[in-house]
């Protein structure tokens, strides 16, 4: 395993968080899946779901484009939590999810 949190270098984590910080609609990003559980492999994707009342598909697509422009070597799976219909996935996120980003109070 890796000594970095979530198996990601701090610079990569900072770049991803910086994208979320550009969108005031993102109140919180939760990491789930293998990186949250600690059983990831080097090439494991980064599963993130977003919380925020004003999030929509257009914003999600813009963020995905910006995340893709970072040219990170991992696939980022991004979703809006309230739009997840799969109950077992929601339960998994509630069980193992770790706060990856949280909007600072203004």
PDB file of N, CA and C in Angstrom:
ATOM      1  N   UNK A   1       0.833  -1.194   0.000  1.00  0.00           N
ATOM      2  CA  UNK A   1       0.000   0.000   0.000  1.00  0.00           C
ATOM      3  C   UNK A   1       0.873   1.252   0.000  1.00  0.00           C
ATOM      4  N   UNK A   2       0.231   2.341   0.026  1.00  0.00           N
ATOM      5  CA  UNK A   2       0.855   3.642  -0.128  1.00  0.00           C
ATOM      6  C   UNK A   2       0.741   4.406   1.181  1.00  0.00           C
ATOM      7  N   UNK A   3       1.727   5.205   1.512  1.00  0.00           N
ATOM      8  CA  UNK A   3       1.659   5.968   2.760  1.00  0.00           C
ATOM      9  C   UNK A   3       0.790   7.215   2.627  1.00  0.00           C
ATOM     10  N   UNK A   4       0.411   7.574   1.403  1.00  0.00           N
ATOM     11  CA  UNK A   4      -0.432   8.748   1.192  1.00  0.00           C
ATOM     12  C   UNK A   4      -1.890   8.405   1.487  1.00  0.00           C
ATOM     13  N   UNK A   5      -2.634   9.400   1.994  1.00  0.00           N
ATOM     14  CA  UNK A   5      -4.058   9.140   2.242  1.00  0.00           C
ATOM     15  C   UNK A   5      -4.764   8.749   0.943  1.00  0.00           C
ATOM     16  N   UNK A   6      -5.591   7.752   1.010  1.00  0.00           N
ATOM     17  CA  UNK A   6      -6.374   7.254  -0.125  1.00  0.00           C
ATOM     18  C   UNK A   6      -5.491   6.697  -1.235  1.00  0.00           C
ATOM     19  N   UNK A   7      -4.188   6.537  -0.994  1.00  0.00           N
ATOM     20  CA  UNK A   7      -3.283   6.050  -2.023  1.00  0.00           C
ATOM     21  C   UNK A   7      -3.013   7.062  -3.112  1.00  0.00           C
ATOM     22  N   UNK A   8      -3.202   8.330  -2.794  1.00  0.00           N
ATOM     23  CA  UNK A   8      -3.007   9.409  -3.768  1.00  0.00           C
ATOM     24  C   UNK A   8      -1.982  10.398  -3.244  1.00  0.00           C
ATOM     25  N   UNK A   9      -1.088  10.881  -4.096  1.00  0.00           N
ATOM     26  CA  UNK A   9      -0.128  11.887  -3.646  1.00  0.00           C
ATOM     27  C   UNK A   9      -0.846  13.172  -3.238  1.00  0.00           C
ATOM     28  N   UNK A  10      -0.328  13.868  -2.231  1.00  0.00           N
ATOM     29  CA  UNK A  10      -0.961  15.106  -1.768  1.00  0.00           C
ATOM     30  C   UNK A  10      -1.203  16.123  -2.883  1.00  0.00           C
ATOM     31  N   UNK A  11      -0.312  16.199  -3.864  1.00  0.00           N
ATOM     32  CA  UNK A  11      -0.497  17.162  -4.959  1.00  0.00           C
ATOM     33  C   UNK A  11      -1.741  16.820  -5.778  1.00  0.00           C
ATOM     34  N   UNK A  12      -1.993  15.543  -5.997  1.00  0.00           N
ATOM     35  CA  UNK A  12      -3.183  15.129  -6.750  1.00  0.00           C
ATOM     36  C   UNK A  12      -4.453  15.439  -5.964  1.00  0.00           C
ATOM     37  N   UNK A  13      -4.430  15.151  -4.664  1.00  0.00           N
ATOM     38  CA  UNK A  13      -5.579  15.455  -3.807  1.00  0.00           C
ATOM     39  C   UNK A  13      -5.858  16.957  -3.838  1.00  0.00           C
ATOM     40  N   UNK A  14      -4.814  17.769  -3.730  1.00  0.00           N
ATOM     41  CA  UNK A  14      -4.970  19.229  -3.734  1.00  0.00           C
ATOM     42  C   UNK A  14      -5.557  19.719  -5.054  1.00  0.00           C
ATOM     43  N   UNK A  15      -5.134  19.144  -6.169  1.00  0.00           N
ATOM     44  CA  UNK A  15      -5.654  19.562  -7.480  1.00  0.00           C
ATOM     45  C   UNK A  15      -7.139  19.236  -7.616  1.00  0.00           C
ATOM     46  N   UNK A  16      -7.530  18.060  -7.161  1.00  0.00           N
ATOM     47  CA  UNK A  16      -8.944  17.671  -7.232  1.00  0.00           C
ATOM     48  C   UNK A  16      -9.776  18.581  -6.334  1.00  0.00           C
ATOM     49  N   UNK A  17      -9.302  18.812  -5.120  1.00  0.00           N
ATOM     50  CA  UNK A  17     -10.030  19.692  -4.197  1.00  0.00           C
ATOM     51  C   UNK A  17     -10.139  21.105  -4.753  1.00  0.00           C
ATOM     52  N   UNK A  18      -9.105  21.573  -5.450  1.00  0.00           N
ATOM     53  CA  UNK A  18      -9.120  22.922  -6.030  1.00  0.00           C
ATOM     54  C   UNK A  18     -10.224  23.050  -7.082  1.00  0.00           C
ATOM     55  N   UNK A  19     -10.463  21.995  -7.842  1.00  0.00           N
ATOM     56  CA  UNK A  19     -11.567  22.030  -8.813  1.00  0.00           C
ATOM     57  C   UNK A  19     -12.893  22.190  -8.073  1.00  0.00           C
ATOM     58  N   UNK A  20     -13.112  21.403  -7.027  1.00  0.00           N
ATOM     59  CA  UNK A  20     -14.366  21.505  -6.273  1.00  0.00           C
ATOM     60  C   UNK A  20     -14.520  22.885  -5.641  1.00  0.00           C
ATOM     61  N   UNK A  21     -13.422  23.466  -5.190  1.00  0.00           N
ATOM     62  CA  UNK A  21     -13.470  24.776  -4.533  1.00  0.00           C
ATOM     63  C   UNK A  21     -13.928  25.876  -5.488  1.00  0.00           C
ATOM     64  N   UNK A  22     -13.780  25.667  -6.783  1.00  0.00           N
ATOM     65  CA  UNK A  22     -14.222  26.658  -7.779  1.00  0.00           C
ATOM     66  C   UNK A  22     -15.737  26.662  -7.957  1.00  0.00           C
ATOM     67  N   UNK A  23     -16.400  25.695  -7.394  1.00  0.00           N
ATOM     68  CA  UNK A  23     -17.850  25.566  -7.542  1.00  0.00           C
ATOM     69  C   UNK A  23     -18.519  25.711  -6.174  1.00  0.00           C
ATOM     70  N   UNK A  24     -19.105  26.867  -5.907  1.00  0.00           N
ATOM     71  CA  UNK A  24     -19.748  27.068  -4.601  1.00  0.00           C
ATOM     72  C   UNK A  24     -20.924  26.115  -4.361  1.00  0.00           C
ATOM     73  N   UNK A  25     -21.425  25.508  -5.413  1.00  0.00           N
ATOM     74  CA  UNK A  25     -22.533  24.562  -5.272  1.00  0.00           C
ATOM     75  C   UNK A  25     -22.094  23.268  -4.585  1.00  0.00           C
ATOM     76  N   UNK A  26     -20.797  22.971  -4.619  1.00  0.00           N
ATOM     77  CA  UNK A  26     -20.288  21.746  -3.989  1.00  0.00           C
ATOM     78  C   UNK A  26     -20.079  22.023  -2.503  1.00  0.00           C
ATOM     79  N   UNK A  27     -20.928  21.423  -1.694  1.00  0.00           N
ATOM     80  CA  UNK A  27     -20.797  21.590  -0.248  1.00  0.00           C
ATOM     81  C   UNK A  27     -19.844  20.547   0.338  1.00  0.00           C
ATOM     82  N   UNK A  28     -19.847  19.363  -0.280  1.00  0.00           N
ATOM     83  CA  UNK A  28     -19.033  18.272   0.254  1.00  0.00           C
ATOM     84  C   UNK A  28     -18.820  17.231  -0.839  1.00  0.00           C
ATOM     85  N   UNK A  29     -17.636  16.645  -0.859  1.00  0.00           N
ATOM     86  CA  UNK A  29     -17.342  15.516  -1.736  1.00  0.00           C
ATOM     87  C   UNK A  29     -16.950  14.341  -0.850  1.00  0.00           C
ATOM     88  N   UNK A  30     -17.553  13.198  -1.102  1.00  0.00           N
ATOM     89  CA  UNK A  30     -17.315  12.005  -0.293  1.00  0.00           C
ATOM     90  C   UNK A  30     -16.642  10.941  -1.158  1.00  0.00           C
ATOM     91  N   UNK A  31     -15.513  10.449  -0.669  1.00  0.00           N
ATOM     92  CA  UNK A  31     -14.782   9.369  -1.325  1.00  0.00           C
ATOM     93  C   UNK A  31     -15.354   8.043  -0.835  1.00  0.00           C
ATOM     94  N   UNK A  32     -15.579   7.127  -1.764  1.00  0.00           N
ATOM     95  CA  UNK A  32     -16.059   5.792  -1.388  1.00  0.00           C
ATOM     96  C   UNK A  32     -15.352   4.762  -2.259  1.00  0.00           C
ATOM     97  N   UNK A  33     -15.724   3.521  -2.123  1.00  0.00           N
ATOM     98  CA  UNK A  33     -15.091   2.470  -2.913  1.00  0.00           C
ATOM     99  C   UNK A  33     -13.776   2.018  -2.310  1.00  0.00           C
ATOM    100  N   UNK A  34     -12.934   1.426  -3.157  1.00  0.00           N
ATOM    101  CA  UNK A  34     -11.700   0.803  -2.666  1.00  0.00           C
ATOM    102  C   UNK A  34     -10.756   1.807  -2.016  1.00  0.00           C
ATOM    103  N   UNK A  35     -10.719   3.031  -2.502  1.00  0.00           N
ATOM    104  CA  UNK A  35      -9.806   4.015  -1.901  1.00  0.00           C
ATOM    105  C   UNK A  35     -10.268   4.416  -0.500  1.00  0.00           C
ATOM    106  N   UNK A  36     -11.556   4.430  -0.262  1.00  0.00           N
ATOM    107  CA  UNK A  36     -12.058   4.725   1.083  1.00  0.00           C
ATOM    108  C   UNK A  36     -11.862   3.525   2.010  1.00  0.00           C
ATOM    109  N   UNK A  37     -12.003   2.323   1.455  1.00  0.00           N
ATOM    110  CA  UNK A  37     -11.865   1.112   2.274  1.00  0.00           C
ATOM    111  C   UNK A  37     -10.414   0.747   2.534  1.00  0.00           C
ATOM    112  N   UNK A  38      -9.499   1.275   1.721  1.00  0.00           N
ATOM    113  CA  UNK A  38      -8.082   0.977   1.909  1.00  0.00           C
ATOM    114  C   UNK A  38      -7.605  -0.258   1.164  1.00  0.00           C
ATOM    115  N   UNK A  39      -8.452  -0.850   0.326  1.00  0.00           N
ATOM    116  CA  UNK A  39      -8.028  -2.044  -0.416  1.00  0.00           C
ATOM    117  C   UNK A  39      -7.839  -1.737  -1.907  1.00  0.00           C
ATOM    118  N   UNK A  40      -7.448  -0.515  -2.202  1.00  0.00           N
ATOM    119  CA  UNK A  40      -7.217  -0.066  -3.576  1.00  0.00           C
ATOM    120  C   UNK A  40      -5.924  -0.652  -4.135  1.00  0.00           C
ATOM    121  N   UNK A  41      -5.831  -0.601  -5.458  1.00  0.00           N
ATOM    122  CA  UNK A  41      -4.591  -0.932  -6.160  1.00  0.00           C
ATOM    123  C   UNK A  41      -4.092   0.365  -6.794  1.00  0.00           C
ATOM    124  N   UNK A  42      -2.874   0.365  -7.310  1.00  0.00           N
ATOM    125  CA  UNK A  42      -2.315   1.591  -7.889  1.00  0.00           C
ATOM    126  C   UNK A  42      -3.216   2.215  -8.949  1.00  0.00           C
ATOM    127  N   UNK A  43      -3.849   1.392  -9.772  1.00  0.00           N
ATOM    128  CA  UNK A  43      -4.673   1.918 -10.853  1.00  0.00           C
ATOM    129  C   UNK A  43      -6.146   2.064 -10.522  1.00  0.00           C
ATOM    130  N   UNK A  44      -6.508   1.870  -9.257  1.00  0.00           N
ATOM    131  CA  UNK A  44      -7.920   1.977  -8.878  1.00  0.00           C
ATOM    132  C   UNK A  44      -8.459   3.364  -9.180  1.00  0.00           C
ATOM    133  N   UNK A  45      -9.729   3.394  -9.603  1.00  0.00           N
ATOM    134  CA  UNK A  45     -10.332   4.693  -9.883  1.00  0.00           C
ATOM    135  C   UNK A  45     -10.627   5.432  -8.583  1.00  0.00           C
ATOM    136  N   UNK A  46     -11.026   6.680  -8.723  1.00  0.00           N
ATOM    137  CA  UNK A  46     -11.347   7.537  -7.583  1.00  0.00           C
ATOM    138  C   UNK A  46     -12.852   7.756  -7.623  1.00  0.00           C
ATOM    139  N   UNK A  47     -13.565   7.141  -6.683  1.00  0.00           N
ATOM    140  CA  UNK A  47     -15.022   7.247  -6.626  1.00  0.00           C
ATOM    141  C   UNK A  47     -15.401   8.385  -5.685  1.00  0.00           C
ATOM    142  N   UNK A  48     -16.063   9.403  -6.232  1.00  0.00           N
ATOM    143  CA  UNK A  48     -16.469  10.562  -5.442  1.00  0.00           C
ATOM    144  C   UNK A  48     -17.931  10.883  -5.717  1.00  0.00           C
ATOM    145  N   UNK A  49     -18.669  11.188  -4.669  1.00  0.00           N
ATOM    146  CA  UNK A  49     -20.030  11.668  -4.838  1.00  0.00           C
ATOM    147  C   UNK A  49     -20.141  13.031  -4.168  1.00  0.00           C
ATOM    148  N   UNK A  50     -20.941  13.895  -4.761  1.00  0.00           N
ATOM    149  CA  UNK A  50     -21.026  15.285  -4.327  1.00  0.00           C
ATOM    150  C   UNK A  50     -22.346  15.569  -3.633  1.00  0.00           C
ATOM    151  N   UNK A  51     -22.276  16.401  -2.600  1.00  0.00           N
ATOM    152  CA  UNK A  51     -23.462  16.894  -1.911  1.00  0.00           C
ATOM    153  C   UNK A  51     -23.566  18.393  -2.144  1.00  0.00           C
ATOM    154  N   UNK A  52     -24.780  18.853  -2.347  1.00  0.00           N
ATOM    155  CA  UNK A  52     -25.041  20.278  -2.538  1.00  0.00           C
ATOM    156  C   UNK A  52     -26.408  20.454  -3.166  1.00  0.00           C
ATOM    157  N   UNK A  53     -27.178  21.391  -2.649  1.00  0.00           N
ATOM    158  CA  UNK A  53     -28.555  21.578  -3.101  1.00  0.00           C
ATOM    159  C   UNK A  53     -28.658  22.017  -4.558  1.00  0.00           C
ATOM    160  N   UNK A  54     -27.701  22.780  -5.047  1.00  0.00           N
ATOM    161  CA  UNK A  54     -27.801  23.366  -6.384  1.00  0.00           C
ATOM    162  C   UNK A  54     -26.994  22.621  -7.443  1.00  0.00           C
ATOM    163  N   UNK A  55     -26.572  21.412  -7.150  1.00  0.00           N
ATOM    164  CA  UNK A  55     -25.805  20.636  -8.134  1.00  0.00           C
ATOM    165  C   UNK A  55     -26.733  20.086  -9.210  1.00  0.00           C
ATOM    166  N   UNK A  56     -26.230  20.037 -10.443  1.00  0.00           N
ATOM    167  CA  UNK A  56     -27.005  19.484 -11.548  1.00  0.00           C
ATOM    168  C   UNK A  56     -26.049  18.826 -12.542  1.00  0.00           C
ATOM    169  N   UNK A  57     -26.620  18.193 -13.544  1.00  0.00           N
ATOM    170  CA  UNK A  57     -25.824  17.450 -14.518  1.00  0.00           C
ATOM    171  C   UNK A  57     -24.860  18.353 -15.280  1.00  0.00           C
ATOM    172  N   UNK A  58     -25.288  19.557 -15.643  1.00  0.00           N
ATOM    173  CA  UNK A  58     -24.395  20.472 -16.372  1.00  0.00           C
ATOM    174  C   UNK A  58     -23.152  20.806 -15.558  1.00  0.00           C
ATOM    175  N   UNK A  59     -23.333  21.100 -14.270  1.00  0.00           N
ATOM    176  CA  UNK A  59     -22.180  21.385 -13.405  1.00  0.00           C
ATOM    177  C   UNK A  59     -21.287  20.156 -13.275  1.00  0.00           C
ATOM    178  N   UNK A  60     -21.912  18.998 -13.132  1.00  0.00           N
ATOM    179  CA  UNK A  60     -21.147  17.757 -13.009  1.00  0.00           C
ATOM    180  C   UNK A  60     -20.273  17.547 -14.242  1.00  0.00           C
ATOM    181  N   UNK A  61     -20.838  17.779 -15.418  1.00  0.00           N
ATOM    182  CA  UNK A  61     -20.074  17.611 -16.655  1.00  0.00           C
ATOM    183  C   UNK A  61     -18.938  18.624 -16.757  1.00  0.00           C
ATOM    184  N   UNK A  62     -19.181  19.861 -16.321  1.00  0.00           N
ATOM    185  CA  UNK A  62     -18.108  20.866 -16.324  1.00  0.00           C
ATOM    186  C   UNK A  62     -16.973  20.444 -15.395  1.00  0.00           C
ATOM    187  N   UNK A  63     -17.334  19.968 -14.202  1.00  0.00           N
ATOM    188  CA  UNK A  63     -16.312  19.521 -13.254  1.00  0.00           C
ATOM    189  C   UNK A  63     -15.541  18.330 -13.805  1.00  0.00           C
ATOM    190  N   UNK A  64     -16.248  17.386 -14.421  1.00  0.00           N
ATOM    191  CA  UNK A  64     -15.568  16.227 -15.002  1.00  0.00           C
ATOM    192  C   UNK A  64     -14.574  16.664 -16.070  1.00  0.00           C
ATOM    193  N   UNK A  65     -14.935  17.661 -16.869  1.00  0.00           N
ATOM    194  CA  UNK A  65     -14.018  18.187 -17.877  1.00  0.00           C
ATOM    195  C   UNK A  65     -12.781  18.791 -17.247  1.00  0.00           C
ATOM    196  N   UNK A  66     -12.982  19.567 -16.180  1.00  0.00           N
ATOM    197  CA  UNK A  66     -11.838  20.180 -15.495  1.00  0.00           C
ATOM    198  C   UNK A  66     -10.965  19.126 -14.820  1.00  0.00           C
ATOM    199  N   UNK A  67     -11.590  18.123 -14.236  1.00  0.00           N
ATOM    200  CA  UNK A  67     -10.818  17.043 -13.612  1.00  0.00           C
ATOM    201  C   UNK A  67     -10.028  16.279 -14.668  1.00  0.00           C
ATOM    202  N   UNK A  68     -10.629  16.063 -15.827  1.00  0.00           N
ATOM    203  CA  UNK A  68      -9.940  15.383 -16.923  1.00  0.00           C
ATOM    204  C   UNK A  68      -8.746  16.207 -17.403  1.00  0.00           C
ATOM    205  N   UNK A  69      -8.899  17.525 -17.418  1.00  0.00           N
ATOM    206  CA  UNK A  69      -7.808  18.413 -17.844  1.00  0.00           C
ATOM    207  C   UNK A  69      -6.600  18.360 -16.909  1.00  0.00           C
ATOM    208  N   UNK A  70      -6.792  17.846 -15.687  1.00  0.00           N
ATOM    209  CA  UNK A  70      -5.669  17.720 -14.750  1.00  0.00           C
ATOM    210  C   UNK A  70      -4.674  16.652 -15.207  1.00  0.00           C
ATOM    211  N   UNK A  71      -5.116  15.797 -16.115  1.00  0.00           N
ATOM    212  CA  UNK A  71      -4.276  14.717 -16.660  1.00  0.00           C
ATOM    213  C   UNK A  71      -3.725  13.791 -15.572  1.00  0.00           C
ATOM    214  N   UNK A  72      -4.552  13.516 -14.583  1.00  0.00           N
ATOM    215  CA  UNK A  72      -4.157  12.580 -13.528  1.00  0.00           C
ATOM    216  C   UNK A  72      -4.237  11.159 -14.078  1.00  0.00           C
ATOM    217  N   UNK A  73      -3.411  10.253 -13.568  1.00  0.00           N
ATOM    218  CA  UNK A  73      -3.382   8.890 -14.108  1.00  0.00           C
ATOM    219  C   UNK A  73      -4.487   7.971 -13.580  1.00  0.00           C
ATOM    220  N   UNK A  74      -5.517   8.543 -12.951  1.00  0.00           N
ATOM    221  CA  UNK A  74      -6.610   7.734 -12.418  1.00  0.00           C
ATOM    222  C   UNK A  74      -7.921   8.210 -13.021  1.00  0.00           C
ATOM    223  N   UNK A  75      -8.813   7.268 -13.233  1.00  0.00           N
ATOM    224  CA  UNK A  75     -10.156   7.613 -13.674  1.00  0.00           C
ATOM    225  C   UNK A  75     -10.921   8.138 -12.461  1.00  0.00           C
ATOM    226  N   UNK A  76     -11.670   9.208 -12.647  1.00  0.00           N
ATOM    227  CA  UNK A  76     -12.471   9.766 -11.561  1.00  0.00           C
ATOM    228  C   UNK A  76     -13.938   9.523 -11.883  1.00  0.00           C
ATOM    229  N   UNK A  77     -14.606   8.804 -10.997  1.00  0.00           N
ATOM    230  CA  UNK A  77     -16.031   8.519 -11.124  1.00  0.00           C
ATOM    231  C   UNK A  77     -16.757   9.510 -10.223  1.00  0.00           C
ATOM    232  N   UNK A  78     -17.482  10.446 -10.825  1.00  0.00           N
ATOM    233  CA  UNK A  78     -18.115  11.536 -10.086  1.00  0.00           C
ATOM    234  C   UNK A  78     -19.627  11.412 -10.199  1.00  0.00           C
ATOM    235  N   UNK A  79     -20.320  11.584  -9.080  1.00  0.00           N
ATOM    236  CA  UNK A  79     -21.781  11.518  -9.086  1.00  0.00           C
ATOM    237  C   UNK A  79     -22.338  12.563  -8.127  1.00  0.00           C
ATOM    238  N   UNK A  80     -23.645  12.777  -8.233  1.00  0.00           N
ATOM    239  CA  UNK A  80     -24.368  13.637  -7.293  1.00  0.00           C
ATOM    240  C   UNK A  80     -25.134  12.696  -6.368  1.00  0.00           C
ATOM    241  N   UNK A  81     -24.855  12.773  -5.088  1.00  0.00           N
ATOM    242  CA  UNK A  81     -25.387  11.795  -4.139  1.00  0.00           C
ATOM    243  C   UNK A  81     -26.907  11.689  -4.204  1.00  0.00           C
ATOM    244  N   UNK A  82     -27.606  12.808  -4.208  1.00  0.00           N
ATOM    245  CA  UNK A  82     -29.069  12.763  -4.159  1.00  0.00           C
ATOM    246  C   UNK A  82     -29.677  12.156  -5.427  1.00  0.00           C
ATOM    247  N   UNK A  83     -28.883  12.016  -6.483  1.00  0.00           N
ATOM    248  CA  UNK A  83     -29.386  11.433  -7.726  1.00  0.00           C
ATOM    249  C   UNK A  83     -29.039   9.945  -7.862  1.00  0.00           C
ATOM    250  N   UNK A  84     -28.404   9.376  -6.849  1.00  0.00           N
ATOM    251  CA  UNK A  84     -28.084   7.940  -6.880  1.00  0.00           C
ATOM    252  C   UNK A  84     -29.334   7.159  -6.487  1.00  0.00           C
ATOM    253  N   UNK A  85     -29.824   6.340  -7.404  1.00  0.00           N
ATOM    254  CA  UNK A  85     -31.034   5.549  -7.160  1.00  0.00           C
ATOM    255  C   UNK A  85     -30.734   4.184  -6.549  1.00  0.00           C
ATOM    256  N   UNK A  86     -29.513   3.699  -6.730  1.00  0.00           N
ATOM    257  CA  UNK A  86     -29.134   2.372  -6.257  1.00  0.00           C
ATOM    258  C   UNK A  86     -28.990   2.394  -4.730  1.00  0.00           C
ATOM    259  N   UNK A  87     -29.936   1.772  -4.051  1.00  0.00           N
ATOM    260  CA  UNK A  87     -29.961   1.805  -2.586  1.00  0.00           C
ATOM    261  C   UNK A  87     -28.723   1.150  -1.975  1.00  0.00           C
ATOM    262  N   UNK A  88     -28.233   0.060  -2.566  1.00  0.00           N
ATOM    263  CA  UNK A  88     -27.051  -0.597  -2.002  1.00  0.00           C
ATOM    264  C   UNK A  88     -25.812   0.289  -2.158  1.00  0.00           C
ATOM    265  N   UNK A  89     -25.733   1.050  -3.243  1.00  0.00           N
ATOM    266  CA  UNK A  89     -24.616   1.984  -3.409  1.00  0.00           C
ATOM    267  C   UNK A  89     -24.709   3.101  -2.377  1.00  0.00           C
ATOM    268  N   UNK A  90     -25.906   3.619  -2.152  1.00  0.00           N
ATOM    269  CA  UNK A  90     -26.087   4.669  -1.132  1.00  0.00           C
ATOM    270  C   UNK A  90     -25.680   4.143   0.250  1.00  0.00           C
ATOM    271  N   UNK A  91     -26.065   2.908   0.560  1.00  0.00           N
ATOM    272  CA  UNK A  91     -25.698   2.307   1.849  1.00  0.00           C
ATOM    273  C   UNK A  91     -24.184   2.142   1.953  1.00  0.00           C
ATOM    274  N   UNK A  92     -23.544   1.726   0.851  1.00  0.00           N
ATOM    275  CA  UNK A  92     -22.082   1.589   0.831  1.00  0.00           C
ATOM    276  C   UNK A  92     -21.424   2.941   1.114  1.00  0.00           C
ATOM    277  N   UNK A  93     -21.906   3.994   0.466  1.00  0.00           N
ATOM    278  CA  UNK A  93     -21.337   5.335   0.662  1.00  0.00           C
ATOM    279  C   UNK A  93     -21.520   5.775   2.110  1.00  0.00           C
ATOM    280  N   UNK A  94     -22.694   5.534   2.675  1.00  0.00           N
ATOM    281  CA  UNK A  94     -22.945   5.896   4.077  1.00  0.00           C
ATOM    282  C   UNK A  94     -22.023   5.117   5.016  1.00  0.00           C
ATOM    283  N   UNK A  95     -21.758   3.870   4.670  1.00  0.00           N
ATOM    284  CA  UNK A  95     -20.960   2.991   5.539  1.00  0.00           C
ATOM    285  C   UNK A  95     -19.467   3.295   5.472  1.00  0.00           C
ATOM    286  N   UNK A  96     -18.916   3.444   4.262  1.00  0.00           N
ATOM    287  CA  UNK A  96     -17.456   3.560   4.129  1.00  0.00           C
ATOM    288  C   UNK A  96     -16.988   4.937   3.666  1.00  0.00           C
ATOM    289  N   UNK A  97     -17.934   5.811   3.304  1.00  0.00           N
ATOM    290  CA  UNK A  97     -17.560   7.115   2.751  1.00  0.00           C
ATOM    291  C   UNK A  97     -16.721   7.956   3.696  1.00  0.00           C
ATOM    292  N   UNK A  98     -15.755   8.660   3.112  1.00  0.00           N
ATOM    293  CA  UNK A  98     -14.852   9.546   3.850  1.00  0.00           C
ATOM    294  C   UNK A  98     -14.938  10.926   3.207  1.00  0.00           C
ATOM    295  N   UNK A  99     -15.071  11.957   4.026  1.00  0.00           N
ATOM    296  CA  UNK A  99     -15.106  13.313   3.475  1.00  0.00           C
ATOM    297  C   UNK A  99     -13.771  13.616   2.812  1.00  0.00           C
ATOM    298  N   UNK A 100     -13.825  13.924   1.528  1.00  0.00           N
ATOM    299  CA  UNK A 100     -12.643  14.228   0.721  1.00  0.00           C
ATOM    300  C   UNK A 100     -12.469  15.742   0.589  1.00  0.00           C
ATOM    301  N   UNK A 101     -13.595  16.454   0.527  1.00  0.00           N
ATOM    302  CA  UNK A 101     -13.590  17.914   0.394  1.00  0.00           C
ATOM    303  C   UNK A 101     -14.823  18.448   1.109  1.00  0.00           C
ATOM    304  N   UNK A 102     -14.651  19.578   1.785  1.00  0.00           N
ATOM    305  CA  UNK A 102     -15.783  20.248   2.408  1.00  0.00           C
ATOM    306  C   UNK A 102     -15.621  21.742   2.215  1.00  0.00           C
ATOM    307  N   UNK A 103     -16.710  22.382   1.768  1.00  0.00           N
ATOM    308  CA  UNK A 103     -16.680  23.820   1.523  1.00  0.00           C
ATOM    309  C   UNK A 103     -16.418  24.550   2.833  1.00  0.00           C
ATOM    310  N   UNK A 104     -15.547  25.531   2.755  1.00  0.00           N
ATOM    311  CA  UNK A 104     -15.240  26.340   3.937  1.00  0.00           C
ATOM    312  C   UNK A 104     -16.396  27.301   4.194  1.00  0.00           C
ATOM    313  N   UNK A 105     -16.705  27.520   5.449  1.00  0.00           N
ATOM    314  CA  UNK A 105     -17.750  28.488   5.800  1.00  0.00           C
ATOM    315  C   UNK A 105     -17.273  29.887   5.444  1.00  0.00           C
ATOM    316  N   UNK A 106     -18.195  30.673   4.960  1.00  0.00           N
ATOM    317  CA  UNK A 106     -17.823  32.039   4.564  1.00  0.00           C
ATOM    318  C   UNK A 106     -18.385  33.051   5.520  1.00  0.00           C
TER     319      UNK A 106
END
